[in-house]
Amino acid sequence: MELKEISIKEKIKNELMPILKGKKKSDQSLDLLINYNFIHCRGEHEAYFQYLDAHEIMKILTKENRKFLYILNKIFKERYTERKNKIKNIKEEIPFLKSLKKEIEKEIKKIEIKFGNKKTPNSYLLQSFIDTALTPFIELNEK
């Protein structure tokens, strides 16, 4: 494992995840932190979502805090539309996105089974996240 990769993983574990889990506060808005400043020093914009744990992110997304889901939706959409050409090796994040999509789809099924195989506001929100923030970038890069 490269030193850079180890450093990024440590930074994610010790700095980003505590913020995402609500255990630590940041003076920056989440979208600025994630898409612009986290790990981006000296003007280099490296991909790093491939080091995130899809299951952990899914758990954060499915917490009761809907505001966080909207913020992450904005972050992902911006990252994979406006910012995609500014982030080096962004296609390396696709396996993470596919994994996150599968995790969220499993969660949607669990939610709907719990309510008699019916759609719920939560399942709609999660499906919308998949449809608007994940699937377009995955499909665009699989062609």
N, C-alpha and C. Protein backbone atom coordinates (compact mmCIF):
# COMPACT_ATOMS: atom_id res chain seq x y z
N MET A 1 0.85 -1.18 0.00
CA MET A 1 0.00 0.00 0.00
C MET A 1 0.90 1.24 0.00
N GLU A 2 0.55 2.17 -0.84
CA GLU A 2 1.31 3.41 -0.94
C GLU A 2 1.14 4.26 0.32
N LEU A 3 2.14 5.04 0.59
CA LEU A 3 2.09 5.94 1.74
C LEU A 3 0.92 6.92 1.60
N LYS A 4 0.70 7.39 0.38
CA LYS A 4 -0.39 8.33 0.13
C LYS A 4 -1.74 7.68 0.46
N GLU A 5 -1.93 6.42 0.04
CA GLU A 5 -3.16 5.70 0.30
C GLU A 5 -3.37 5.50 1.80
N ILE A 6 -2.33 5.14 2.50
CA ILE A 6 -2.40 4.96 3.96
C ILE A 6 -2.79 6.27 4.62
N SER A 7 -2.17 7.34 4.17
CA SER A 7 -2.45 8.67 4.72
C SER A 7 -3.91 9.07 4.50
N ILE A 8 -4.41 8.82 3.28
CA ILE A 8 -5.80 9.16 2.97
C ILE A 8 -6.75 8.34 3.84
N LYS A 9 -6.49 7.05 3.97
CA LYS A 9 -7.36 6.19 4.79
C LYS A 9 -7.37 6.64 6.25
N GLU A 10 -6.22 7.01 6.76
CA GLU A 10 -6.14 7.49 8.14
C GLU A 10 -6.92 8.79 8.31
N LYS A 11 -6.78 9.68 7.34
CA LYS A 11 -7.47 10.96 7.39
C LYS A 11 -8.99 10.75 7.33
N ILE A 12 -9.43 9.82 6.49
CA ILE A 12 -10.86 9.51 6.41
C ILE A 12 -11.35 8.99 7.76
N LYS A 13 -10.62 8.02 8.31
CA LYS A 13 -11.02 7.40 9.58
C LYS A 13 -11.03 8.40 10.73
N ASN A 14 -10.01 9.24 10.82
CA ASN A 14 -9.86 10.12 11.97
C ASN A 14 -10.49 11.49 11.83
N GLU A 15 -10.69 11.95 10.58
CA GLU A 15 -11.23 13.30 10.39
C GLU A 15 -12.61 13.32 9.75
N LEU A 16 -12.77 12.63 8.61
CA LEU A 16 -14.02 12.73 7.87
C LEU A 16 -15.16 11.92 8.50
N MET A 17 -14.90 10.66 8.82
CA MET A 17 -15.98 9.81 9.35
C MET A 17 -16.57 10.35 10.66
N PRO A 18 -15.77 10.85 11.59
CA PRO A 18 -16.38 11.42 12.80
C PRO A 18 -17.32 12.60 12.48
N ILE A 19 -16.99 13.38 11.45
CA ILE A 19 -17.86 14.49 11.04
C ILE A 19 -19.14 13.93 10.42
N LEU A 20 -19.00 12.96 9.53
CA LEU A 20 -20.17 12.38 8.87
C LEU A 20 -21.10 11.69 9.87
N LYS A 21 -20.52 11.10 10.90
CA LYS A 21 -21.33 10.42 11.91
C LYS A 21 -21.89 11.38 12.95
N GLY A 22 -21.54 12.66 12.85
CA GLY A 22 -22.05 13.66 13.78
C GLY A 22 -21.35 13.67 15.12
N LYS A 23 -20.18 13.01 15.21
CA LYS A 23 -19.44 12.96 16.47
C LYS A 23 -18.43 14.10 16.59
N LYS A 24 -18.24 14.82 15.51
CA LYS A 24 -17.27 15.91 15.49
C LYS A 24 -17.83 17.01 14.61
N LYS A 25 -17.60 18.25 14.99
CA LYS A 25 -18.10 19.39 14.21
C LYS A 25 -16.99 19.89 13.29
N SER A 26 -17.42 20.48 12.19
CA SER A 26 -16.48 21.09 11.25
C SER A 26 -16.86 22.55 11.08
N ASP A 27 -15.87 23.42 10.91
CA ASP A 27 -16.19 24.84 10.72
C ASP A 27 -16.60 25.09 9.26
N GLN A 28 -16.44 24.11 8.40
CA GLN A 28 -16.81 24.25 7.00
C GLN A 28 -18.11 23.54 6.71
N SER A 29 -18.81 24.00 5.67
CA SER A 29 -20.00 23.26 5.27
C SER A 29 -19.53 21.93 4.69
N LEU A 30 -20.37 20.92 4.80
CA LEU A 30 -20.00 19.57 4.38
C LEU A 30 -19.65 19.49 2.90
N ASP A 31 -20.40 20.21 2.05
CA ASP A 31 -20.10 20.13 0.62
C ASP A 31 -18.74 20.73 0.30
N LEU A 32 -18.39 21.84 0.93
CA LEU A 32 -17.06 22.43 0.72
C LEU A 32 -15.98 21.50 1.25
N LEU A 33 -16.21 20.94 2.40
CA LEU A 33 -15.23 20.04 3.01
C LEU A 33 -14.97 18.83 2.11
N ILE A 34 -16.02 18.19 1.66
CA ILE A 34 -15.87 16.94 0.90
C ILE A 34 -15.42 17.17 -0.53
N ASN A 35 -16.01 18.12 -1.23
CA ASN A 35 -15.69 18.28 -2.64
C ASN A 35 -14.51 19.21 -2.92
N TYR A 36 -14.13 20.03 -1.97
CA TYR A 36 -13.07 20.98 -2.25
C TYR A 36 -11.85 20.84 -1.35
N ASN A 37 -12.05 20.67 -0.07
CA ASN A 37 -10.92 20.80 0.84
C ASN A 37 -10.40 19.53 1.48
N PHE A 38 -11.22 18.51 1.61
CA PHE A 38 -10.74 17.31 2.27
C PHE A 38 -9.73 16.61 1.38
N ILE A 39 -8.51 16.49 1.84
CA ILE A 39 -7.40 15.85 1.14
C ILE A 39 -6.84 16.70 0.01
N HIS A 40 -7.49 17.77 -0.39
CA HIS A 40 -7.04 18.55 -1.54
C HIS A 40 -6.05 19.63 -1.11
N CYS A 41 -4.81 19.25 -1.02
CA CYS A 41 -3.79 20.25 -0.68
C CYS A 41 -2.97 20.56 -1.93
N ARG A 42 -2.36 21.66 -1.96
CA ARG A 42 -1.54 22.12 -3.08
C ARG A 42 -2.30 22.11 -4.41
N GLY A 43 -3.60 22.30 -4.35
CA GLY A 43 -4.39 22.38 -5.57
C GLY A 43 -4.63 21.06 -6.28
N GLU A 44 -4.14 19.95 -5.71
CA GLU A 44 -4.37 18.66 -6.33
C GLU A 44 -5.73 18.13 -5.87
N HIS A 45 -6.49 17.69 -6.80
CA HIS A 45 -7.81 17.15 -6.47
C HIS A 45 -7.82 15.67 -6.81
N GLU A 46 -7.51 14.87 -5.83
CA GLU A 46 -7.42 13.42 -6.01
C GLU A 46 -8.74 12.76 -5.65
N ALA A 47 -9.08 11.70 -6.36
CA ALA A 47 -10.24 10.88 -5.99
C ALA A 47 -9.92 10.20 -4.66
N TYR A 48 -10.91 10.07 -3.80
CA TYR A 48 -10.68 9.36 -2.54
C TYR A 48 -11.90 8.58 -2.05
N PHE A 49 -13.02 8.69 -2.74
CA PHE A 49 -14.20 7.95 -2.31
C PHE A 49 -13.98 6.45 -2.37
N GLN A 50 -13.04 5.99 -3.20
CA GLN A 50 -12.77 4.55 -3.30
C GLN A 50 -12.28 3.99 -1.96
N TYR A 51 -11.86 4.86 -1.05
CA TYR A 51 -11.39 4.41 0.26
C TYR A 51 -12.49 4.45 1.32
N LEU A 52 -13.66 4.93 0.96
CA LEU A 52 -14.77 4.97 1.91
C LEU A 52 -15.41 3.59 2.00
N ASP A 53 -16.01 3.31 3.13
CA ASP A 53 -16.72 2.05 3.35
C ASP A 53 -18.18 2.26 2.98
N ALA A 54 -18.64 1.58 1.93
CA ALA A 54 -20.01 1.76 1.44
C ALA A 54 -21.05 1.45 2.52
N HIS A 55 -20.81 0.42 3.32
CA HIS A 55 -21.76 0.06 4.36
C HIS A 55 -21.87 1.17 5.41
N GLU A 56 -20.73 1.73 5.78
CA GLU A 56 -20.73 2.84 6.76
C GLU A 56 -21.48 4.05 6.22
N ILE A 57 -21.24 4.38 4.96
CA ILE A 57 -21.92 5.53 4.35
C ILE A 57 -23.42 5.26 4.26
N MET A 58 -23.80 4.04 3.90
CA MET A 58 -25.21 3.69 3.84
C MET A 58 -25.87 3.85 5.20
N LYS A 59 -25.18 3.42 6.26
CA LYS A 59 -25.75 3.58 7.61
C LYS A 59 -25.96 5.05 7.94
N ILE A 60 -25.01 5.89 7.53
CA ILE A 60 -25.14 7.33 7.78
C ILE A 60 -26.32 7.89 6.98
N LEU A 61 -26.46 7.45 5.74
CA LEU A 61 -27.56 7.93 4.88
C LEU A 61 -28.93 7.54 5.42
N THR A 62 -29.02 6.39 6.07
CA THR A 62 -30.32 5.90 6.49
C THR A 62 -30.68 6.30 7.92
N LYS A 63 -29.80 7.07 8.56
CA LYS A 63 -30.17 7.60 9.87
C LYS A 63 -31.37 8.52 9.69
N GLU A 64 -31.96 8.89 10.77
CA GLU A 64 -33.17 9.71 10.72
C GLU A 64 -32.94 11.12 10.17
N ASN A 65 -31.72 11.56 10.10
CA ASN A 65 -31.43 12.92 9.67
C ASN A 65 -31.55 13.07 8.15
N ARG A 66 -32.73 13.47 7.68
CA ARG A 66 -32.96 13.62 6.24
C ARG A 66 -32.16 14.77 5.65
N LYS A 67 -31.89 15.77 6.45
CA LYS A 67 -31.10 16.91 5.96
C LYS A 67 -29.74 16.41 5.45
N PHE A 68 -29.16 15.46 6.15
CA PHE A 68 -27.88 14.92 5.77
C PHE A 68 -27.96 14.20 4.42
N LEU A 69 -29.07 13.50 4.20
CA LEU A 69 -29.27 12.82 2.92
C LEU A 69 -29.32 13.85 1.78
N TYR A 70 -30.00 14.96 2.00
CA TYR A 70 -30.06 16.01 0.98
C TYR A 70 -28.68 16.61 0.72
N ILE A 71 -27.92 16.82 1.80
CA ILE A 71 -26.57 17.38 1.65
C ILE A 71 -25.69 16.41 0.85
N LEU A 72 -25.73 15.14 1.21
CA LEU A 72 -24.91 14.17 0.47
C LEU A 72 -25.36 14.04 -0.98
N ASN A 73 -26.66 14.14 -1.21
CA ASN A 73 -27.16 14.11 -2.58
C ASN A 73 -26.55 15.27 -3.38
N LYS A 74 -26.55 16.44 -2.80
CA LYS A 74 -25.96 17.63 -3.45
C LYS A 74 -24.46 17.41 -3.70
N ILE A 75 -23.77 16.88 -2.71
CA ILE A 75 -22.32 16.64 -2.81
C ILE A 75 -22.03 15.66 -3.95
N PHE A 76 -22.74 14.54 -3.98
CA PHE A 76 -22.50 13.53 -5.01
C PHE A 76 -22.83 14.06 -6.39
N LYS A 77 -23.99 14.75 -6.53
CA LYS A 77 -24.37 15.28 -7.84
C LYS A 77 -23.32 16.28 -8.33
N GLU A 78 -22.88 17.16 -7.46
CA GLU A 78 -21.87 18.15 -7.85
C GLU A 78 -20.55 17.46 -8.19
N ARG A 79 -20.18 16.51 -7.38
CA ARG A 79 -18.91 15.80 -7.59
C ARG A 79 -18.88 15.10 -8.94
N TYR A 80 -20.00 14.50 -9.32
CA TYR A 80 -20.03 13.70 -10.54
C TYR A 80 -20.61 14.43 -11.75
N THR A 81 -20.85 15.72 -11.62
CA THR A 81 -21.23 16.53 -12.79
C THR A 81 -20.22 17.66 -12.95
N GLU A 82 -20.35 18.70 -12.14
CA GLU A 82 -19.50 19.89 -12.27
C GLU A 82 -18.02 19.63 -11.96
N ARG A 83 -17.73 18.82 -10.95
CA ARG A 83 -16.36 18.65 -10.48
C ARG A 83 -15.62 17.48 -11.13
N LYS A 84 -16.31 16.61 -11.86
CA LYS A 84 -15.71 15.35 -12.32
C LYS A 84 -14.44 15.54 -13.15
N ASN A 85 -14.36 16.61 -13.91
CA ASN A 85 -13.16 16.83 -14.73
C ASN A 85 -12.02 17.46 -13.95
N LYS A 86 -12.30 17.87 -12.73
CA LYS A 86 -11.27 18.52 -11.91
C LYS A 86 -10.66 17.57 -10.89
N ILE A 87 -11.20 16.36 -10.80
CA ILE A 87 -10.72 15.39 -9.82
C ILE A 87 -9.96 14.29 -10.55
N LYS A 88 -8.69 14.15 -10.22
CA LYS A 88 -7.86 13.13 -10.87
C LYS A 88 -8.34 11.73 -10.50
N ASN A 89 -8.35 10.86 -11.48
CA ASN A 89 -8.69 9.44 -11.28
C ASN A 89 -10.07 9.23 -10.67
N ILE A 90 -11.01 10.10 -11.00
CA ILE A 90 -12.34 9.99 -10.39
C ILE A 90 -13.02 8.66 -10.73
N LYS A 91 -12.66 8.05 -11.85
CA LYS A 91 -13.28 6.77 -12.22
C LYS A 91 -12.92 5.66 -11.24
N GLU A 92 -11.87 5.86 -10.46
CA GLU A 92 -11.51 4.87 -9.42
C GLU A 92 -12.58 4.79 -8.33
N GLU A 93 -13.47 5.77 -8.29
CA GLU A 93 -14.52 5.79 -7.28
C GLU A 93 -15.73 4.94 -7.69
N ILE A 94 -15.79 4.50 -8.94
CA ILE A 94 -16.95 3.76 -9.43
C ILE A 94 -17.23 2.48 -8.64
N PRO A 95 -16.23 1.63 -8.31
CA PRO A 95 -16.55 0.45 -7.51
C PRO A 95 -17.22 0.80 -6.17
N PHE A 96 -16.78 1.89 -5.54
CA PHE A 96 -17.42 2.34 -4.30
C PHE A 96 -18.87 2.72 -4.58
N LEU A 97 -19.11 3.46 -5.66
CA LEU A 97 -20.47 3.89 -5.99
C LEU A 97 -21.39 2.70 -6.25
N LYS A 98 -20.87 1.70 -6.96
CA LYS A 98 -21.66 0.49 -7.22
C LYS A 98 -21.97 -0.25 -5.92
N SER A 99 -20.99 -0.32 -5.06
CA SER A 99 -21.17 -0.99 -3.77
C SER A 99 -22.18 -0.23 -2.92
N LEU A 100 -22.08 1.10 -2.91
CA LEU A 100 -23.02 1.92 -2.15
C LEU A 100 -24.43 1.75 -2.70
N LYS A 101 -24.55 1.72 -4.01
CA LYS A 101 -25.87 1.53 -4.65
C LYS A 101 -26.48 0.20 -4.20
N LYS A 102 -25.70 -0.88 -4.18
CA LYS A 102 -26.21 -2.19 -3.74
C LYS A 102 -26.63 -2.14 -2.28
N GLU A 103 -25.81 -1.51 -1.44
CA GLU A 103 -26.14 -1.40 -0.01
C GLU A 103 -27.47 -0.64 0.18
N ILE A 104 -27.64 0.44 -0.55
CA ILE A 104 -28.87 1.24 -0.42
C ILE A 104 -30.07 0.46 -0.96
N GLU A 105 -29.88 -0.26 -2.07
CA GLU A 105 -30.98 -1.07 -2.61
C GLU A 105 -31.41 -2.14 -1.62
N LYS A 106 -30.46 -2.76 -0.92
CA LYS A 106 -30.81 -3.75 0.12
C LYS A 106 -31.61 -3.08 1.23
N GLU A 107 -31.18 -1.89 1.61
CA GLU A 107 -31.87 -1.15 2.68
C GLU A 107 -33.29 -0.77 2.25
N ILE A 108 -33.46 -0.36 1.01
CA ILE A 108 -34.79 -0.01 0.49
C ILE A 108 -35.71 -1.23 0.58
N LYS A 109 -35.20 -2.40 0.16
CA LYS A 109 -36.00 -3.64 0.24
C LYS A 109 -36.40 -3.93 1.68
N LYS A 110 -35.43 -3.77 2.61
CA LYS A 110 -35.73 -4.03 4.03
C LYS A 110 -36.84 -3.10 4.53
N ILE A 111 -36.73 -1.83 4.17
CA ILE A 111 -37.73 -0.84 4.61
C ILE A 111 -39.10 -1.20 4.04
N GLU A 112 -39.14 -1.52 2.75
CA GLU A 112 -40.43 -1.80 2.11
C GLU A 112 -41.06 -3.11 2.60
N ILE A 113 -40.24 -4.12 2.88
CA ILE A 113 -40.75 -5.38 3.43
C ILE A 113 -41.37 -5.12 4.80
N LYS A 114 -40.70 -4.29 5.58
CA LYS A 114 -41.18 -3.94 6.92
C LYS A 114 -42.58 -3.30 6.86
N PHE A 115 -42.86 -2.61 5.76
CA PHE A 115 -44.16 -1.93 5.62
C PHE A 115 -45.05 -2.64 4.59
N GLY A 116 -44.97 -3.96 4.56
CA GLY A 116 -45.85 -4.74 3.70
C GLY A 116 -45.58 -4.56 2.21
N ASN A 117 -44.32 -4.50 1.85
CA ASN A 117 -43.89 -4.32 0.45
C ASN A 117 -44.45 -3.04 -0.18
N LYS A 118 -44.53 -2.01 0.64
CA LYS A 118 -45.01 -0.72 0.14
C LYS A 118 -43.88 0.30 0.17
N LYS A 119 -43.95 1.24 -0.77
CA LYS A 119 -43.01 2.35 -0.81
C LYS A 119 -43.29 3.24 0.41
N THR A 120 -42.22 3.81 0.95
CA THR A 120 -42.36 4.72 2.09
C THR A 120 -41.61 6.01 1.73
N PRO A 121 -41.84 7.07 2.49
CA PRO A 121 -41.06 8.30 2.22
C PRO A 121 -39.55 8.04 2.25
N ASN A 122 -39.10 7.20 3.21
CA ASN A 122 -37.66 6.90 3.29
C ASN A 122 -37.17 6.13 2.07
N SER A 123 -37.96 5.15 1.63
CA SER A 123 -37.52 4.37 0.47
C SER A 123 -37.51 5.24 -0.79
N TYR A 124 -38.46 6.15 -0.92
CA TYR A 124 -38.45 7.09 -2.05
C TYR A 124 -37.21 7.98 -2.02
N LEU A 125 -36.89 8.50 -0.84
CA LEU A 125 -35.70 9.37 -0.72
C LEU A 125 -34.43 8.63 -1.10
N LEU A 126 -34.29 7.42 -0.60
CA LEU A 126 -33.09 6.63 -0.91
C LEU A 126 -33.03 6.28 -2.40
N GLN A 127 -34.18 5.93 -2.97
CA GLN A 127 -34.21 5.62 -4.40
C GLN A 127 -33.87 6.86 -5.23
N SER A 128 -34.35 7.99 -4.79
CA SER A 128 -34.03 9.24 -5.48
C SER A 128 -32.53 9.53 -5.42
N PHE A 129 -31.92 9.24 -4.29
CA PHE A 129 -30.47 9.41 -4.16
C PHE A 129 -29.75 8.53 -5.18
N ILE A 130 -30.18 7.29 -5.29
CA ILE A 130 -29.57 6.37 -6.27
C ILE A 130 -29.76 6.92 -7.68
N ASP A 131 -31.00 7.32 -8.00
CA ASP A 131 -31.34 7.74 -9.36
C ASP A 131 -30.65 9.04 -9.78
N THR A 132 -30.49 9.96 -8.85
CA THR A 132 -29.94 11.26 -9.23
C THR A 132 -28.46 11.42 -8.96
N ALA A 133 -27.95 10.74 -7.92
CA ALA A 133 -26.57 10.99 -7.51
C ALA A 133 -25.60 9.87 -7.87
N LEU A 134 -26.07 8.66 -8.03
CA LEU A 134 -25.17 7.53 -8.28
C LEU A 134 -25.27 6.98 -9.71
N THR A 135 -26.46 6.56 -10.09
CA THR A 135 -26.65 5.86 -11.36
C THR A 135 -26.17 6.64 -12.59
N PRO A 136 -26.47 7.93 -12.72
CA PRO A 136 -26.02 8.62 -13.94
C PRO A 136 -24.49 8.56 -14.15
N PHE A 137 -23.72 8.75 -13.10
CA PHE A 137 -22.27 8.71 -13.24
C PHE A 137 -21.77 7.29 -13.51
N ILE A 138 -22.36 6.32 -12.84
CA ILE A 138 -21.96 4.91 -13.06
C ILE A 138 -22.22 4.54 -14.51
N GLU A 139 -23.44 4.84 -14.99
CA GLU A 139 -23.82 4.47 -16.36
C GLU A 139 -22.96 5.20 -17.39
N LEU A 140 -22.70 6.46 -17.16
CA LEU A 140 -21.90 7.27 -18.09
C LEU A 140 -20.49 6.67 -18.25
N ASN A 141 -19.96 6.13 -17.19
CA ASN A 141 -18.60 5.62 -17.22
C ASN A 141 -18.48 4.13 -17.52
N GLU A 142 -19.62 3.48 -17.72
CA GLU A 142 -19.59 2.07 -18.10
C GLU A 142 -19.76 1.87 -19.59
N LYS A 143 -20.00 2.95 -20.30
CA LYS A 143 -20.19 2.86 -21.75
C LYS A 143 -18.88 2.66 -22.45
